[in-house]
């Protein structure tokens, strides 16, 4: 019987990182819906993909570590972080 190595796609790796990294850094972020028409998991996956684009890479360089790009992305999609105040430039409309 031949065993094949497990190969994970980039998308799968991004989702795993998004799920595991917050768990390893204390309590996970908590969000409440502030206008999104999608489930939180769907918007989180969309942000994981968007954060790998050149436009977000430029945003991260310009922000110089002041803002968490992942949090900014999820808040722009219509979610409000409830365990800590949102950054002023997140663009969440209350």
PDB file of N, CA and C in Angstrom:
ATOM      1  N   UNK A   1       0.836  -1.168   0.000  1.00  0.00           N
ATOM      2  CA  UNK A   1       0.000   0.000   0.000  1.00  0.00           C
ATOM      3  C   UNK A   1       0.894   1.250   0.000  1.00  0.00           C
ATOM      4  N   UNK A   2       0.666   2.171  -0.935  1.00  0.00           N
ATOM      5  CA  UNK A   2       1.470   3.368  -1.080  1.00  0.00           C
ATOM      6  C   UNK A   2       0.782   4.505  -0.335  1.00  0.00           C
ATOM      7  N   UNK A   3       1.531   5.184   0.524  1.00  0.00           N
ATOM      8  CA  UNK A   3       0.978   6.328   1.254  1.00  0.00           C
ATOM      9  C   UNK A   3       1.354   7.598   0.512  1.00  0.00           C
ATOM     10  N   UNK A   4       0.366   8.464   0.337  1.00  0.00           N
ATOM     11  CA  UNK A   4       0.588   9.735  -0.343  1.00  0.00           C
ATOM     12  C   UNK A   4       0.754  10.826   0.709  1.00  0.00           C
ATOM     13  N   UNK A   5       1.688  11.734   0.491  1.00  0.00           N
ATOM     14  CA  UNK A   5       1.835  12.835   1.455  1.00  0.00           C
ATOM     15  C   UNK A   5       0.625  13.763   1.391  1.00  0.00           C
ATOM     16  N   UNK A   6       0.302  14.369   2.507  1.00  0.00           N
ATOM     17  CA  UNK A   6      -0.814  15.308   2.572  1.00  0.00           C
ATOM     18  C   UNK A   6      -0.338  16.649   2.029  1.00  0.00           C
ATOM     19  N   UNK A   7      -1.067  17.171   1.062  1.00  0.00           N
ATOM     20  CA  UNK A   7      -0.735  18.457   0.469  1.00  0.00           C
ATOM     21  C   UNK A   7      -1.886  19.409   0.758  1.00  0.00           C
ATOM     22  N   UNK A   8      -1.581  20.531   1.394  1.00  0.00           N
ATOM     23  CA  UNK A   8      -2.597  21.507   1.737  1.00  0.00           C
ATOM     24  C   UNK A   8      -2.536  22.683   0.765  1.00  0.00           C
ATOM     25  N   UNK A   9      -3.690  23.156   0.371  1.00  0.00           N
ATOM     26  CA  UNK A   9      -3.734  24.324  -0.507  1.00  0.00           C
ATOM     27  C   UNK A   9      -3.432  25.583   0.302  1.00  0.00           C
ATOM     28  N   UNK A  10      -3.123  26.669  -0.386  1.00  0.00           N
ATOM     29  CA  UNK A  10      -2.863  27.943   0.293  1.00  0.00           C
ATOM     30  C   UNK A  10      -4.083  28.391   1.079  1.00  0.00           C
ATOM     31  N   UNK A  11      -5.243  28.176   0.485  1.00  0.00           N
ATOM     32  CA  UNK A  11      -6.489  28.570   1.129  1.00  0.00           C
ATOM     33  C   UNK A  11      -6.662  27.813   2.442  1.00  0.00           C
ATOM     34  N   UNK A  12      -6.391  26.535   2.428  1.00  0.00           N
ATOM     35  CA  UNK A  12      -6.512  25.702   3.621  1.00  0.00           C
ATOM     36  C   UNK A  12      -5.514  26.153   4.686  1.00  0.00           C
ATOM     37  N   UNK A  13      -4.303  26.444   4.291  1.00  0.00           N
ATOM     38  CA  UNK A  13      -3.278  26.891   5.226  1.00  0.00           C
ATOM     39  C   UNK A  13      -3.678  28.233   5.841  1.00  0.00           C
ATOM     40  N   UNK A  14      -4.216  29.147   5.032  1.00  0.00           N
ATOM     41  CA  UNK A  14      -4.640  30.450   5.536  1.00  0.00           C
ATOM     42  C   UNK A  14      -5.750  30.307   6.569  1.00  0.00           C
ATOM     43  N   UNK A  15      -6.697  29.430   6.297  1.00  0.00           N
ATOM     44  CA  UNK A  15      -7.799  29.207   7.238  1.00  0.00           C
ATOM     45  C   UNK A  15      -7.260  28.613   8.534  1.00  0.00           C
ATOM     46  N   UNK A  16      -6.366  27.653   8.424  1.00  0.00           N
ATOM     47  CA  UNK A  16      -5.785  27.049   9.627  1.00  0.00           C
ATOM     48  C   UNK A  16      -5.018  28.080  10.445  1.00  0.00           C
ATOM     49  N   UNK A  17      -4.269  28.934   9.780  1.00  0.00           N
ATOM     50  CA  UNK A  17      -3.525  29.973  10.494  1.00  0.00           C
ATOM     51  C   UNK A  17      -4.478  30.939  11.190  1.00  0.00           C
ATOM     52  N   UNK A  18      -5.550  31.307  10.510  1.00  0.00           N
ATOM     53  CA  UNK A  18      -6.517  32.231  11.096  1.00  0.00           C
ATOM     54  C   UNK A  18      -7.188  31.632  12.325  1.00  0.00           C
ATOM     55  N   UNK A  19      -7.368  30.328  12.318  1.00  0.00           N
ATOM     56  CA  UNK A  19      -7.997  29.672  13.454  1.00  0.00           C
ATOM     57  C   UNK A  19      -7.015  29.401  14.587  1.00  0.00           C
ATOM     58  N   UNK A  20      -5.781  29.076  14.258  1.00  0.00           N
ATOM     59  CA  UNK A  20      -4.820  28.690  15.274  1.00  0.00           C
ATOM     60  C   UNK A  20      -4.066  29.859  15.893  1.00  0.00           C
ATOM     61  N   UNK A  21      -3.747  30.882  15.124  1.00  0.00           N
ATOM     62  CA  UNK A  21      -2.963  31.981  15.658  1.00  0.00           C
ATOM     63  C   UNK A  21      -3.665  32.717  16.798  1.00  0.00           C
ATOM     64  N   UNK A  22      -4.945  33.085  16.669  1.00  0.00           N
ATOM     65  CA  UNK A  22      -5.583  33.751  17.806  1.00  0.00           C
ATOM     66  C   UNK A  22      -5.640  32.861  19.043  1.00  0.00           C
ATOM     67  N   UNK A  23      -5.791  31.566  18.857  1.00  0.00           N
ATOM     68  CA  UNK A  23      -5.858  30.652  19.996  1.00  0.00           C
ATOM     69  C   UNK A  23      -4.524  30.590  20.725  1.00  0.00           C
ATOM     70  N   UNK A  24      -3.434  30.774  20.019  1.00  0.00           N
ATOM     71  CA  UNK A  24      -2.120  30.728  20.634  1.00  0.00           C
ATOM     72  C   UNK A  24      -1.704  32.045  21.268  1.00  0.00           C
ATOM     73  N   UNK A  25      -2.458  33.096  21.060  1.00  0.00           N
ATOM     74  CA  UNK A  25      -2.109  34.420  21.572  1.00  0.00           C
ATOM     75  C   UNK A  25      -3.090  34.894  22.639  1.00  0.00           C
ATOM     76  N   UNK A  26      -3.598  34.004  23.456  1.00  0.00           N
ATOM     77  CA  UNK A  26      -4.563  34.404  24.475  1.00  0.00           C
ATOM     78  C   UNK A  26      -5.976  34.121  24.016  1.00  0.00           C
ATOM     79  N   UNK A  27      -6.880  34.963  24.440  1.00  0.00           N
ATOM     80  CA  UNK A  27      -8.278  34.759  24.092  1.00  0.00           C
ATOM     81  C   UNK A  27      -8.525  35.163  22.635  1.00  0.00           C
ATOM     82  N   UNK A  28      -9.400  34.431  21.931  1.00  0.00           N
ATOM     83  CA  UNK A  28      -9.700  34.797  20.552  1.00  0.00           C
ATOM     84  C   UNK A  28     -10.509  36.093  20.490  1.00  0.00           C
ATOM     85  N   UNK A  29     -10.379  36.781  19.371  1.00  0.00           N
ATOM     86  CA  UNK A  29     -11.138  38.013  19.180  1.00  0.00           C
ATOM     87  C   UNK A  29     -12.619  37.676  19.084  1.00  0.00           C
ATOM     88  N   UNK A  30     -13.432  38.555  19.644  1.00  0.00           N
ATOM     89  CA  UNK A  30     -14.866  38.376  19.571  1.00  0.00           C
ATOM     90  C   UNK A  30     -15.454  39.539  18.790  1.00  0.00           C
ATOM     91  N   UNK A  31     -16.371  39.211  17.884  1.00  0.00           N
ATOM     92  CA  UNK A  31     -16.993  40.219  17.039  1.00  0.00           C
ATOM     93  C   UNK A  31     -18.502  40.104  17.118  1.00  0.00           C
ATOM     94  N   UNK A  32     -19.182  41.223  16.903  1.00  0.00           N
ATOM     95  CA  UNK A  32     -20.632  41.207  16.761  1.00  0.00           C
ATOM     96  C   UNK A  32     -20.961  41.807  15.398  1.00  0.00           C
ATOM     97  N   UNK A  33     -22.070  41.377  14.846  1.00  0.00           N
ATOM     98  CA  UNK A  33     -22.454  41.838  13.515  1.00  0.00           C
ATOM     99  C   UNK A  33     -22.830  43.308  13.589  1.00  0.00           C
ATOM    100  N   UNK A  34     -22.193  44.103  12.741  1.00  0.00           N
ATOM    101  CA  UNK A  34     -22.466  45.530  12.671  1.00  0.00           C
ATOM    102  C   UNK A  34     -22.917  45.906  11.265  1.00  0.00           C
ATOM    103  N   UNK A  35     -23.554  44.950  10.569  1.00  0.00           N
ATOM    104  CA  UNK A  35     -24.081  45.233   9.247  1.00  0.00           C
ATOM    105  C   UNK A  35     -23.712  44.251   8.162  1.00  0.00           C
ATOM    106  N   UNK A  36     -22.924  43.237   8.469  1.00  0.00           N
ATOM    107  CA  UNK A  36     -22.547  42.263   7.446  1.00  0.00           C
ATOM    108  C   UNK A  36     -23.733  41.375   7.087  1.00  0.00           C
ATOM    109  N   UNK A  37     -23.809  41.020   5.817  1.00  0.00           N
ATOM    110  CA  UNK A  37     -24.856  40.117   5.347  1.00  0.00           C
ATOM    111  C   UNK A  37     -24.364  38.673   5.300  1.00  0.00           C
ATOM    112  N   UNK A  38     -23.138  38.446   5.751  1.00  0.00           N
ATOM    113  CA  UNK A  38     -22.532  37.120   5.702  1.00  0.00           C
ATOM    114  C   UNK A  38     -22.249  36.632   7.116  1.00  0.00           C
ATOM    115  N   UNK A  39     -22.025  35.344   7.244  1.00  0.00           N
ATOM    116  CA  UNK A  39     -21.600  34.769   8.519  1.00  0.00           C
ATOM    117  C   UNK A  39     -20.169  35.215   8.798  1.00  0.00           C
ATOM    118  N   UNK A  40     -19.808  35.282  10.059  1.00  0.00           N
ATOM    119  CA  UNK A  40     -18.466  35.715  10.440  1.00  0.00           C
ATOM    120  C   UNK A  40     -17.408  34.830   9.794  1.00  0.00           C
ATOM    121  N   UNK A  41     -17.628  33.528   9.777  1.00  0.00           N
ATOM    122  CA  UNK A  41     -16.641  32.608   9.186  1.00  0.00           C
ATOM    123  C   UNK A  41     -16.419  32.915   7.707  1.00  0.00           C
ATOM    124  N   UNK A  42     -17.481  33.264   6.982  1.00  0.00           N
ATOM    125  CA  UNK A  42     -17.343  33.595   5.550  1.00  0.00           C
ATOM    126  C   UNK A  42     -16.511  34.855   5.370  1.00  0.00           C
ATOM    127  N   UNK A  43     -16.799  35.880   6.180  1.00  0.00           N
ATOM    128  CA  UNK A  43     -16.036  37.119   6.071  1.00  0.00           C
ATOM    129  C   UNK A  43     -14.589  36.927   6.520  1.00  0.00           C
ATOM    130  N   UNK A  44     -14.348  36.079   7.509  1.00  0.00           N
ATOM    131  CA  UNK A  44     -12.986  35.795   7.933  1.00  0.00           C
ATOM    132  C   UNK A  44     -12.201  35.124   6.812  1.00  0.00           C
ATOM    133  N   UNK A  45     -12.821  34.177   6.121  1.00  0.00           N
ATOM    134  CA  UNK A  45     -12.141  33.513   5.006  1.00  0.00           C
ATOM    135  C   UNK A  45     -11.858  34.498   3.884  1.00  0.00           C
ATOM    136  N   UNK A  46     -12.804  35.388   3.612  1.00  0.00           N
ATOM    137  CA  UNK A  46     -12.604  36.395   2.568  1.00  0.00           C
ATOM    138  C   UNK A  46     -11.431  37.310   2.939  1.00  0.00           C
ATOM    139  N   UNK A  47     -11.329  37.692   4.206  1.00  0.00           N
ATOM    140  CA  UNK A  47     -10.209  38.542   4.636  1.00  0.00           C
ATOM    141  C   UNK A  47      -8.887  37.801   4.533  1.00  0.00           C
ATOM    142  N   UNK A  48      -8.893  36.531   4.886  1.00  0.00           N
ATOM    143  CA  UNK A  48      -7.655  35.752   4.779  1.00  0.00           C
ATOM    144  C   UNK A  48      -7.138  35.771   3.342  1.00  0.00           C
ATOM    145  N   UNK A  49      -8.036  35.696   2.372  1.00  0.00           N
ATOM    146  CA  UNK A  49      -7.631  35.726   0.962  1.00  0.00           C
ATOM    147  C   UNK A  49      -7.211  37.137   0.551  1.00  0.00           C
ATOM    148  N   UNK A  50      -7.980  38.139   0.967  1.00  0.00           N
ATOM    149  CA  UNK A  50      -7.677  39.519   0.580  1.00  0.00           C
ATOM    150  C   UNK A  50      -6.342  40.000   1.137  1.00  0.00           C
ATOM    151  N   UNK A  51      -6.000  39.555   2.341  1.00  0.00           N
ATOM    152  CA  UNK A  51      -4.771  40.027   2.980  1.00  0.00           C
ATOM    153  C   UNK A  51      -3.515  39.551   2.266  1.00  0.00           C
ATOM    154  N   UNK A  52      -3.660  38.641   1.334  1.00  0.00           N
ATOM    155  CA  UNK A  52      -2.512  38.147   0.566  1.00  0.00           C
ATOM    156  C   UNK A  52      -2.331  38.914  -0.741  1.00  0.00           C
ATOM    157  N   UNK A  53      -3.168  39.927  -0.997  1.00  0.00           N
ATOM    158  CA  UNK A  53      -3.088  40.694  -2.236  1.00  0.00           C
ATOM    159  C   UNK A  53      -2.054  41.817  -2.112  1.00  0.00           C
ATOM    160  N   UNK A  54      -1.538  42.311  -3.236  1.00  0.00           N
ATOM    161  CA  UNK A  54      -0.572  43.423  -3.207  1.00  0.00           C
ATOM    162  C   UNK A  54      -1.139  44.697  -2.571  1.00  0.00           C
ATOM    163  N   UNK A  55      -2.438  44.940  -2.734  1.00  0.00           N
ATOM    164  CA  UNK A  55      -3.033  46.148  -2.156  1.00  0.00           C
ATOM    165  C   UNK A  55      -2.926  46.133  -0.633  1.00  0.00           C
ATOM    166  N   UNK A  56      -3.177  44.983  -0.023  1.00  0.00           N
ATOM    167  CA  UNK A  56      -3.060  44.889   1.429  1.00  0.00           C
ATOM    168  C   UNK A  56      -1.604  44.929   1.861  1.00  0.00           C
ATOM    169  N   UNK A  57      -0.711  44.399   1.077  1.00  0.00           N
ATOM    170  CA  UNK A  57       0.711  44.474   1.416  1.00  0.00           C
ATOM    171  C   UNK A  57       1.141  45.942   1.483  1.00  0.00           C
ATOM    172  N   UNK A  58       0.663  46.743   0.556  1.00  0.00           N
ATOM    173  CA  UNK A  58       0.951  48.177   0.556  1.00  0.00           C
ATOM    174  C   UNK A  58       0.346  48.843   1.790  1.00  0.00           C
ATOM    175  N   UNK A  59      -0.875  48.466   2.139  1.00  0.00           N
ATOM    176  CA  UNK A  59      -1.535  49.020   3.322  1.00  0.00           C
ATOM    177  C   UNK A  59      -0.722  48.723   4.579  1.00  0.00           C
ATOM    178  N   UNK A  60      -0.229  47.499   4.704  1.00  0.00           N
ATOM    179  CA  UNK A  60       0.557  47.105   5.871  1.00  0.00           C
ATOM    180  C   UNK A  60       1.848  47.913   5.941  1.00  0.00           C
ATOM    181  N   UNK A  61       2.503  48.130   4.787  1.00  0.00           N
ATOM    182  CA  UNK A  61       3.731  48.936   4.773  1.00  0.00           C
ATOM    183  C   UNK A  61       3.449  50.370   5.223  1.00  0.00           C
ATOM    184  N   UNK A  62       2.329  50.927   4.763  1.00  0.00           N
ATOM    185  CA  UNK A  62       1.996  52.309   5.120  1.00  0.00           C
ATOM    186  C   UNK A  62       1.556  52.432   6.570  1.00  0.00           C
ATOM    187  N   UNK A  63       0.874  51.413   7.100  1.00  0.00           N
ATOM    188  CA  UNK A  63       0.401  51.453   8.488  1.00  0.00           C
ATOM    189  C   UNK A  63       1.554  51.302   9.482  1.00  0.00           C
ATOM    190  N   UNK A  64       2.650  50.713   9.044  1.00  0.00           N
ATOM    191  CA  UNK A  64       3.863  50.539   9.857  1.00  0.00           C
ATOM    192  C   UNK A  64       3.566  49.935  11.226  1.00  0.00           C
ATOM    193  N   UNK A  65       2.700  48.931  11.246  1.00  0.00           N
ATOM    194  CA  UNK A  65       2.432  48.201  12.475  1.00  0.00           C
ATOM    195  C   UNK A  65       1.454  48.857  13.430  1.00  0.00           C
ATOM    196  N   UNK A  66       0.912  50.017  13.064  1.00  0.00           N
ATOM    197  CA  UNK A  66      -0.011  50.696  13.974  1.00  0.00           C
ATOM    198  C   UNK A  66      -1.353  49.986  14.063  1.00  0.00           C
ATOM    199  N   UNK A  67      -1.772  49.361  12.979  1.00  0.00           N
ATOM    200  CA  UNK A  67      -3.084  48.723  12.937  1.00  0.00           C
ATOM    201  C   UNK A  67      -2.953  47.257  12.566  1.00  0.00           C
ATOM    202  N   UNK A  68      -3.855  46.449  13.070  1.00  0.00           N
ATOM    203  CA  UNK A  68      -3.916  45.038  12.717  1.00  0.00           C
ATOM    204  C   UNK A  68      -4.700  44.929  11.415  1.00  0.00           C
ATOM    205  N   UNK A  69      -4.035  44.606  10.290  1.00  0.00           N
ATOM    206  CA  UNK A  69      -4.734  44.577   9.007  1.00  0.00           C
ATOM    207  C   UNK A  69      -5.902  43.599   8.991  1.00  0.00           C
ATOM    208  N   UNK A  70      -5.766  42.469   9.682  1.00  0.00           N
ATOM    209  CA  UNK A  70      -6.848  41.493   9.684  1.00  0.00           C
ATOM    210  C   UNK A  70      -8.079  42.075  10.372  1.00  0.00           C
ATOM    211  N   UNK A  71      -7.886  42.766  11.490  1.00  0.00           N
ATOM    212  CA  UNK A  71      -9.003  43.376  12.201  1.00  0.00           C
ATOM    213  C   UNK A  71      -9.640  44.477  11.353  1.00  0.00           C
ATOM    214  N   UNK A  72      -8.830  45.281  10.706  1.00  0.00           N
ATOM    215  CA  UNK A  72      -9.351  46.338   9.846  1.00  0.00           C
ATOM    216  C   UNK A  72     -10.200  45.735   8.729  1.00  0.00           C
ATOM    217  N   UNK A  73      -9.707  44.660   8.115  1.00  0.00           N
ATOM    218  CA  UNK A  73     -10.447  44.008   7.021  1.00  0.00           C
ATOM    219  C   UNK A  73     -11.795  43.490   7.508  1.00  0.00           C
ATOM    220  N   UNK A  74     -11.814  42.789   8.620  1.00  0.00           N
ATOM    221  CA  UNK A  74     -13.062  42.191   9.096  1.00  0.00           C
ATOM    222  C   UNK A  74     -14.051  43.269   9.525  1.00  0.00           C
ATOM    223  N   UNK A  75     -13.544  44.376  10.069  1.00  0.00           N
ATOM    224  CA  UNK A  75     -14.442  45.460  10.461  1.00  0.00           C
ATOM    225  C   UNK A  75     -14.999  46.195   9.247  1.00  0.00           C
ATOM    226  N   UNK A  76     -14.225  46.290   8.183  1.00  0.00           N
ATOM    227  CA  UNK A  76     -14.733  46.905   6.950  1.00  0.00           C
ATOM    228  C   UNK A  76     -15.832  46.057   6.317  1.00  0.00           C
ATOM    229  N   UNK A  77     -15.837  44.775   6.622  1.00  0.00           N
ATOM    230  CA  UNK A  77     -16.864  43.883   6.086  1.00  0.00           C
ATOM    231  C   UNK A  77     -18.155  43.939   6.900  1.00  0.00           C
ATOM    232  N   UNK A  78     -18.147  44.645   8.024  1.00  0.00           N
ATOM    233  CA  UNK A  78     -19.371  44.820   8.789  1.00  0.00           C
ATOM    234  C   UNK A  78     -19.394  44.109  10.125  1.00  0.00           C
ATOM    235  N   UNK A  79     -18.245  43.948  10.760  1.00  0.00           N
ATOM    236  CA  UNK A  79     -18.166  43.313  12.080  1.00  0.00           C
ATOM    237  C   UNK A  79     -17.489  44.277  13.038  1.00  0.00           C
ATOM    238  N   UNK A  80     -17.938  44.284  14.287  1.00  0.00           N
ATOM    239  CA  UNK A  80     -17.372  45.158  15.308  1.00  0.00           C
ATOM    240  C   UNK A  80     -16.734  44.300  16.388  1.00  0.00           C
ATOM    241  N   UNK A  81     -15.498  44.590  16.707  1.00  0.00           N
ATOM    242  CA  UNK A  81     -14.795  43.841  17.749  1.00  0.00           C
ATOM    243  C   UNK A  81     -15.342  44.277  19.109  1.00  0.00           C
ATOM    244  N   UNK A  82     -15.756  43.317  19.919  1.00  0.00           N
ATOM    245  CA  UNK A  82     -16.375  43.642  21.202  1.00  0.00           C
ATOM    246  C   UNK A  82     -15.447  43.447  22.384  1.00  0.00           C
ATOM    247  N   UNK A  83     -14.325  42.758  22.235  1.00  0.00           N
ATOM    248  CA  UNK A  83     -13.416  42.554  23.356  1.00  0.00           C
ATOM    249  C   UNK A  83     -12.372  43.659  23.473  1.00  0.00           C
ATOM    250  N   UNK A  84     -12.316  44.570  22.495  1.00  0.00           N
ATOM    251  CA  UNK A  84     -11.386  45.691  22.512  1.00  0.00           C
ATOM    252  C   UNK A  84     -11.909  46.733  21.533  1.00  0.00           C
ATOM    253  N   UNK A  85     -11.733  48.017  21.808  1.00  0.00           N
ATOM    254  CA  UNK A  85     -12.239  49.046  20.881  1.00  0.00           C
ATOM    255  C   UNK A  85     -11.599  48.946  19.496  1.00  0.00           C
ATOM    256  N   UNK A  86     -12.359  49.325  18.497  1.00  0.00           N
ATOM    257  CA  UNK A  86     -11.887  49.302  17.114  1.00  0.00           C
ATOM    258  C   UNK A  86     -10.903  50.437  16.869  1.00  0.00           C
ATOM    259  N   UNK A  87      -9.938  50.232  15.950  1.00  0.00           N
ATOM    260  CA  UNK A  87      -9.049  51.330  15.575  1.00  0.00           C
ATOM    261  C   UNK A  87      -9.865  52.426  14.873  1.00  0.00           C
ATOM    262  N   UNK A  88      -9.508  53.688  15.046  1.00  0.00           N
ATOM    263  CA  UNK A  88     -10.304  54.785  14.480  1.00  0.00           C
ATOM    264  C   UNK A  88     -10.436  54.744  12.962  1.00  0.00           C
ATOM    265  N   UNK A  89      -9.492  54.136  12.251  1.00  0.00           N
ATOM    266  CA  UNK A  89      -9.555  54.126  10.785  1.00  0.00           C
ATOM    267  C   UNK A  89     -10.159  52.842  10.230  1.00  0.00           C
ATOM    268  N   UNK A  90     -10.817  52.053  11.048  1.00  0.00           N
ATOM    269  CA  UNK A  90     -11.367  50.776  10.579  1.00  0.00           C
ATOM    270  C   UNK A  90     -12.549  50.983   9.646  1.00  0.00           C
ATOM    271  N   UNK A  91     -13.209  52.121   9.740  1.00  0.00           N
ATOM    272  CA  UNK A  91     -14.301  52.394   8.813  1.00  0.00           C
ATOM    273  C   UNK A  91     -15.599  51.686   9.147  1.00  0.00           C
ATOM    274  N   UNK A  92     -15.788  51.272  10.379  1.00  0.00           N
ATOM    275  CA  UNK A  92     -17.036  50.618  10.761  1.00  0.00           C
ATOM    276  C   UNK A  92     -18.065  51.701  11.060  1.00  0.00           C
ATOM    277  N   UNK A  93     -19.204  51.621  10.418  1.00  0.00           N
ATOM    278  CA  UNK A  93     -20.268  52.575  10.653  1.00  0.00           C
ATOM    279  C   UNK A  93     -21.230  51.993  11.670  1.00  0.00           C
ATOM    280  N   UNK A  94     -21.420  52.728  12.738  1.00  0.00           N
ATOM    281  CA  UNK A  94     -22.327  52.249  13.790  1.00  0.00           C
ATOM    282  C   UNK A  94     -23.732  52.731  13.566  1.00  0.00           C
TER     283      UNK A  94
END
